[in-house]
C-alpha cells in the first residue's frame, strides 16, 4: 500500500472519532437548537462555544456569537422606563423664556422722632432662551428690562418734612438670573432681584432693601435667609420637565414677604421694617 494512503487512514479515523465523541455531538446538537430570536430564552444547559473543535461546528459557533452580541446590544426595557420622556420624543432645538416680575412694597425706618417711610413698585422683564446639553440645559440671556419703576420716600422730623421721588433714588431694581436646577423630574429657577440701600436721606443709618428672590437663591446680600420671612404663598419657581416638551407653558407664582428688626443706636432705639408682594409669570415656548 502506498505510504501516503497508509498515513492518511489513521488521520481520517482520528478526526472521525473526535467528531463523533459524545461531548462534541452534545455541544453541536445544543448549538444547532440555539434560538435566533433575541428575546427568546436560551436552552437550559447550553454554553457558548469558546473553541472550534472541527469545521462542522463553525456555523453553530458563529450563530451563537451573533446571537449573543445581538442580545447584548438590545435596549433594556426596565432601564428605558426610567429614562425621562424628553429623551424618547422629538426635542425642540431651543426654548424661548420670559420671566416677568411685578412687585410693590414699602419700608420704614424710625429713629426717635425722625422717620423715613418709602413705598415702591416695579415690573421687570427677563428674556432669553435655553437649549438642551445632554442631561442639563444651557441658559442664554437676551435682555433685561425695567418696564415700570415708581418710588417715593417721605422724610419727617421736628425740623423738616419732604418727599423724594424715584429720580432721587440712588439705585433701581435689577434681575439677576443665575441658573436652572434639576431636582428629580422638576426644573427649578434660581434668580434674585438686586436692590439698593434705604432710606435715601439718612447718611448715618442705611439698610439693604430686600426685593424678591426665588427659593433656590442663596446669594443673599443680607445675613438672614430670605425664605424664612415669607408670610403668604411660595417663592418656589419650578415646572415639571416633561411639560416643556409638549406645548407652550405659562405659569404664575405669588407670595408676600416681611422682615423687621430693632437695635439700639447711640442714644435712641432704631427700627427698620421692609415688606413686599410679588407676582412672577414664567413663559416657556418651544421652537422646533
Protein backbone atom coordinates (compact mmCIF):
# COMPACT_ATOMS: atom_id res chain seq x y z
CA UNK A 1 0.00 0.00 0.00
CA UNK A 2 1.14 3.50 -0.77
CA UNK A 3 2.80 5.09 2.21
CA UNK A 4 0.83 8.33 1.78
CA UNK A 5 -2.51 6.45 1.79
CA UNK A 6 -1.41 4.45 4.82
CA UNK A 7 -0.72 7.60 6.86
CA UNK A 8 -3.97 9.22 5.71
CA UNK A 9 -6.27 6.47 7.05
CA UNK A 10 -5.26 6.81 10.74
CA UNK A 11 -5.56 10.60 10.47
CA UNK A 12 -9.03 10.28 8.95
CA UNK A 13 -10.12 7.81 11.62
CA UNK A 14 -8.81 10.11 14.36
CA UNK A 15 -10.83 13.06 13.02
CA UNK A 16 -13.99 10.93 12.72
CA UNK A 17 -13.64 9.64 16.25
CA UNK A 18 -13.18 13.17 17.51
CA UNK A 19 -16.24 14.46 15.68
CA UNK A 20 -18.32 11.54 16.92
CA UNK A 21 -17.22 11.97 20.52
CA UNK A 22 -20.32 12.38 22.81
CA UNK A 23 -19.21 15.71 24.26
CA UNK A 24 -18.71 17.20 20.80
CA UNK A 25 -22.00 15.80 19.49
CA UNK A 26 -23.86 17.10 22.54
CA UNK A 27 -22.32 20.52 22.13
CA UNK A 28 -23.17 20.60 18.40
CA UNK A 29 -26.75 19.47 18.98
CA UNK A 30 -27.32 22.08 21.67
CA UNK A 31 -25.82 24.76 19.45
CA UNK A 32 -27.98 23.76 16.49
CA UNK A 33 -31.10 24.42 18.60
CA UNK A 34 -29.93 27.83 19.84
CA UNK A 35 -32.79 30.29 19.23
CA UNK A 36 -32.11 33.19 16.85
CA UNK A 37 -34.80 35.45 18.28
CA UNK A 38 -33.06 37.94 20.64
CA UNK A 39 -35.76 37.88 23.32
CA UNK A 40 -36.20 34.07 23.32
CA UNK A 41 -34.72 32.21 26.32
CA UNK A 42 -31.57 30.21 25.83
CA UNK A 43 -31.83 26.40 26.06
CA UNK A 44 -31.01 25.28 29.60
CA UNK A 45 -27.52 23.88 29.89
CA UNK A 46 -26.19 25.34 26.62
CA UNK A 47 -22.85 27.12 26.86
CA UNK A 48 -21.09 29.48 24.45
CA UNK A 49 -18.52 27.67 22.28
CA UNK A 50 -15.14 29.05 23.20
CA UNK A 51 -13.12 26.63 21.00
CA UNK A 52 -13.75 25.41 17.45
CA UNK A 53 -13.11 21.62 17.55
CA UNK A 54 -13.92 20.95 13.88
CA UNK A 55 -15.06 22.74 10.70
CA UNK A 56 -18.60 21.37 11.12
CA UNK A 57 -19.01 23.33 14.38
CA UNK A 58 -18.02 26.73 12.93
CA UNK A 59 -21.55 27.63 11.81
CA UNK A 60 -23.24 26.96 15.19
CA UNK A 61 -20.45 28.88 16.91
CA UNK A 62 -20.88 31.90 14.62
CA UNK A 63 -24.64 31.82 15.14
CA UNK A 64 -24.11 31.70 18.89
CA UNK A 65 -21.69 34.64 18.79
CA UNK A 66 -24.00 36.70 16.59
CA UNK A 67 -26.96 35.94 18.83
CA UNK A 68 -25.03 36.82 22.00
CA UNK A 69 -23.88 40.15 20.56
CA UNK A 70 -27.36 40.94 19.35
CA UNK A 71 -28.75 40.23 22.81
CA UNK A 72 -26.11 42.46 24.39
CA UNK A 73 -26.97 45.38 22.11
CA UNK A 74 -30.72 45.19 22.75
CA UNK A 75 -32.12 48.02 24.93
CA UNK A 76 -33.03 47.17 28.49
CA UNK A 77 -36.79 47.66 28.76
CA UNK A 78 -36.59 48.26 32.50
CA UNK A 79 -33.87 50.86 32.01
CA UNK A 80 -35.81 52.59 29.24
CA UNK A 81 -38.77 53.04 31.54
CA UNK A 82 -36.57 55.14 33.86
CA UNK A 83 -35.34 57.48 31.14
CA UNK A 84 -37.14 60.87 31.09
CA UNK A 85 -39.73 61.13 28.37
CA UNK A 86 -37.82 64.03 26.83
CA UNK A 87 -35.27 61.53 25.51
CA UNK A 88 -37.81 59.36 23.74
CA UNK A 89 -39.60 62.13 21.88
CA UNK A 90 -38.67 64.86 19.45
CA UNK A 91 -36.80 67.57 21.34
CA UNK A 92 -37.09 71.27 20.47
CA UNK A 93 -33.94 72.91 19.17
CA UNK A 94 -34.37 75.58 21.88
CA UNK A 95 -36.90 77.14 24.25
CA UNK A 96 -37.79 80.81 24.45
CA UNK A 97 -38.05 82.02 28.07
CA UNK A 98 -39.76 85.08 29.56
CA UNK A 99 -39.79 85.92 33.26
CA UNK A 100 -41.98 88.83 34.31
CA UNK A 101 -41.69 90.04 37.91
CA UNK A 102 -44.10 92.63 39.27
CA UNK A 103 -43.78 93.78 42.86
CA UNK A 104 -44.92 96.51 45.22
CA UNK A 105 -43.65 97.16 48.71
CA UNK A 106 -42.76 99.60 51.44
CA UNK A 107 -40.15 100.25 54.09
CA UNK A 108 -39.96 102.31 57.25
CA UNK A 109 -37.11 103.42 59.43
CA UNK A 110 -37.73 105.21 62.71
CA UNK A 111 -35.10 106.80 64.93
CA UNK A 112 -36.56 108.74 67.81
CA UNK A 113 -38.78 111.46 66.39
CA UNK A 114 -37.38 111.14 62.87
CA UNK A 115 -38.82 108.69 60.37
CA UNK A 116 -38.30 107.71 56.74
CA UNK A 117 -41.20 105.99 55.03
CA UNK A 118 -40.91 104.69 51.49
CA UNK A 119 -43.05 102.81 49.00
CA UNK A 120 -42.25 101.46 45.58
CA UNK A 121 -43.49 99.35 42.67
CA UNK A 122 -41.78 97.94 39.63
CA UNK A 123 -42.07 95.50 36.74
CA UNK A 124 -39.04 93.59 35.46
CA UNK A 125 -38.88 91.51 32.29
CA UNK A 126 -36.12 88.98 31.59
CA UNK A 127 -35.95 87.37 28.15
CA UNK A 128 -33.65 84.67 26.86
CA UNK A 129 -33.58 81.07 25.78
CA UNK A 130 -32.26 77.68 26.79
CA UNK A 131 -31.11 74.62 24.92
CA UNK A 132 -30.55 71.03 25.96
CA UNK A 133 -27.00 69.97 26.75
CA UNK A 134 -27.12 66.22 27.40
CA UNK A 135 -28.75 65.99 30.85
CA UNK A 136 -28.59 69.71 31.55
CA UNK A 137 -29.71 72.97 29.99
CA UNK A 138 -27.70 75.97 28.84
CA UNK A 139 -29.20 79.40 29.54
CA UNK A 140 -28.68 82.35 27.19
CA UNK A 141 -29.52 85.89 28.32
CA UNK A 142 -31.05 88.13 25.67
CA UNK A 143 -32.34 91.19 27.54
CA UNK A 144 -33.32 92.51 30.98
CA UNK A 145 -35.63 95.49 31.16
CA UNK A 146 -37.07 97.59 33.94
CA UNK A 147 -40.50 98.12 32.38
CA UNK A 148 -42.02 100.16 35.22
CA UNK A 149 -40.46 101.88 38.22
CA UNK A 150 -42.06 104.18 40.79
CA UNK A 151 -40.77 105.12 44.22
CA UNK A 152 -41.49 107.65 46.94
CA UNK A 153 -39.88 108.41 50.26
CA UNK A 154 -41.21 110.74 52.93
CA UNK A 155 -38.84 112.27 55.46
CA UNK A 156 -40.40 113.52 58.66
CA UNK A 157 -38.88 115.11 61.74
CA UNK A 158 -39.45 118.02 64.08
CA UNK A 159 -37.40 120.16 61.70
CA UNK A 160 -38.23 119.02 58.15
CA UNK A 161 -40.86 117.27 56.08
CA UNK A 162 -40.18 116.43 52.45
CA UNK A 163 -40.85 113.80 49.81
CA UNK A 164 -38.45 112.18 47.36
CA UNK A 165 -39.32 110.57 44.03
CA UNK A 166 -37.67 107.73 42.05
CA UNK A 167 -35.45 110.35 40.42
CA UNK A 168 -33.84 110.92 43.81
CA UNK A 169 -33.14 107.24 44.45
CA UNK A 170 -29.54 106.11 44.06
CA UNK A 171 -30.46 102.66 42.69
CA UNK A 172 -33.04 100.70 40.73
CA UNK A 173 -34.19 97.07 40.80
CA UNK A 174 -32.31 94.68 38.51
CA UNK A 175 -32.90 90.97 37.95
CA UNK A 176 -30.03 88.53 38.31
CA UNK A 177 -30.98 85.16 36.79
CA UNK A 178 -28.45 82.59 37.98
CA UNK A 179 -29.41 79.20 36.52
CA UNK A 180 -31.89 76.32 36.34
CA UNK A 181 -31.56 73.43 38.80
CA UNK A 182 -32.92 69.93 38.12
CA UNK A 183 -34.46 68.12 41.07
CA UNK A 184 -35.77 64.70 40.10
CA UNK A 185 -38.22 65.43 37.24
CA UNK A 186 -38.63 69.16 38.02
CA UNK A 187 -36.75 72.24 36.84
CA UNK A 188 -36.25 75.00 39.45
CA UNK A 189 -35.40 78.60 38.55
CA UNK A 190 -32.82 80.48 40.60
CA UNK A 191 -32.94 84.29 40.47
CA UNK A 192 -32.63 87.37 42.63
CA UNK A 193 -33.80 90.96 42.18
CA UNK A 194 -30.81 93.08 43.11
CA UNK A 195 -31.59 96.16 45.14
CA UNK A 196 -30.02 99.16 46.93
CA UNK A 197 -29.78 100.80 50.34
CA UNK A 198 -32.50 102.88 52.02
CA UNK A 199 -33.53 105.33 53.27
CA UNK A 200 -32.23 107.71 50.67
CA UNK A 201 -31.94 110.64 53.05
CA UNK A 202 -30.12 109.35 56.10
CA UNK A 203 -26.33 109.10 55.85
CA UNK A 204 -25.91 107.57 59.33
CA UNK A 205 -28.18 104.52 59.19
CA UNK A 206 -28.95 102.74 55.92
CA UNK A 207 -30.32 99.25 55.28
CA UNK A 208 -30.36 96.95 52.30
CA UNK A 209 -33.84 96.88 50.76
CA UNK A 210 -34.73 93.21 50.24
CA UNK A 211 -36.51 92.59 46.95
CA UNK A 212 -37.99 89.34 45.53
CA UNK A 213 -35.87 86.20 45.27
CA UNK A 214 -36.67 82.62 44.33
CA UNK A 215 -36.39 79.82 46.86
CA UNK A 216 -33.27 78.36 45.20
CA UNK A 217 -31.30 81.59 45.51
CA UNK A 218 -28.52 81.51 48.11
CA UNK A 219 -26.74 84.76 47.23
CA UNK A 220 -28.36 86.98 49.85
CA UNK A 221 -26.75 90.38 50.38
CA UNK A 222 -28.08 90.31 53.95
CA UNK A 223 -27.11 87.92 56.73
CA UNK A 224 -30.57 86.35 57.11
CA UNK A 225 -32.38 83.80 54.96
CA UNK A 226 -34.98 85.46 52.73
CA UNK A 227 -37.08 82.28 52.54
CA UNK A 228 -37.76 82.28 56.29
CA UNK A 229 -39.76 85.51 56.20
CA UNK A 230 -42.46 84.61 53.69
CA UNK A 231 -45.89 85.37 55.16
CA UNK A 232 -48.01 84.00 52.32
CA UNK A 233 -47.63 81.89 49.19
CA UNK A 234 -44.45 80.25 47.90
CA UNK A 235 -41.37 81.54 46.10
CA UNK A 236 -40.51 78.10 44.69
CA UNK A 237 -40.40 78.75 40.94
CA UNK A 238 -40.42 75.36 39.23
CA UNK A 239 -42.03 73.37 36.43
CA UNK A 240 -42.25 69.69 35.53
CA UNK A 241 -39.59 68.95 32.92
CA UNK A 242 -41.95 66.89 30.76
CA UNK A 243 -44.24 69.92 30.28
CA UNK A 244 -41.69 71.85 28.20
CA UNK A 245 -41.74 69.07 25.59
CA UNK A 246 -45.48 69.24 24.96
CA UNK A 247 -46.54 72.81 24.22
CA UNK A 248 -46.09 76.43 25.27
CA UNK A 249 -46.22 76.88 29.03
CA UNK A 250 -47.33 79.84 31.15
CA UNK A 251 -47.44 79.72 34.92
CA UNK A 252 -47.95 82.28 37.70
CA UNK A 253 -46.41 82.38 41.18
CA UNK A 254 -47.05 84.79 44.04
CA UNK A 255 -46.02 85.43 47.63
CA UNK A 256 -45.85 88.04 50.40
CA UNK A 257 -42.74 88.82 52.43
CA UNK A 258 -41.97 90.88 55.54
CA UNK A 259 -38.98 91.46 57.80
CA UNK A 260 -38.30 93.89 60.63
CA UNK A 261 -35.56 94.43 63.15
CA UNK A 262 -34.76 96.62 66.15
CA UNK A 263 -31.49 97.72 67.67
CA UNK A 264 -30.10 100.43 69.89
CA UNK A 265 -28.42 103.39 68.30
CA UNK A 266 -26.03 105.77 70.04
CA UNK A 267 -28.79 107.44 72.02
CA UNK A 268 -32.16 106.26 70.69
CA UNK A 269 -33.66 102.94 69.56
CA UNK A 270 -33.87 102.31 65.81
CA UNK A 271 -36.37 100.15 63.96
CA UNK A 272 -36.48 99.13 60.32
CA UNK A 273 -39.20 97.19 58.53
CA UNK A 274 -39.39 96.02 54.92
CA UNK A 275 -42.21 94.19 53.11
CA UNK A 276 -43.39 93.44 49.58
CA UNK A 277 -45.85 91.50 47.45
CA UNK A 278 -44.69 89.62 44.36
CA UNK A 279 -46.17 88.08 41.24
CA UNK A 280 -43.96 86.12 38.83
CA UNK A 281 -45.14 84.97 35.41
CA UNK A 282 -42.99 82.34 33.70
CA UNK A 283 -43.49 81.70 29.98
CA UNK A 284 -41.67 78.97 28.02
CA UNK A 285 -42.17 78.48 24.28
CA UNK A 286 -40.55 75.51 22.49
CA UNK A 287 -39.07 76.04 19.00
CA UNK A 288 -38.58 73.01 16.73
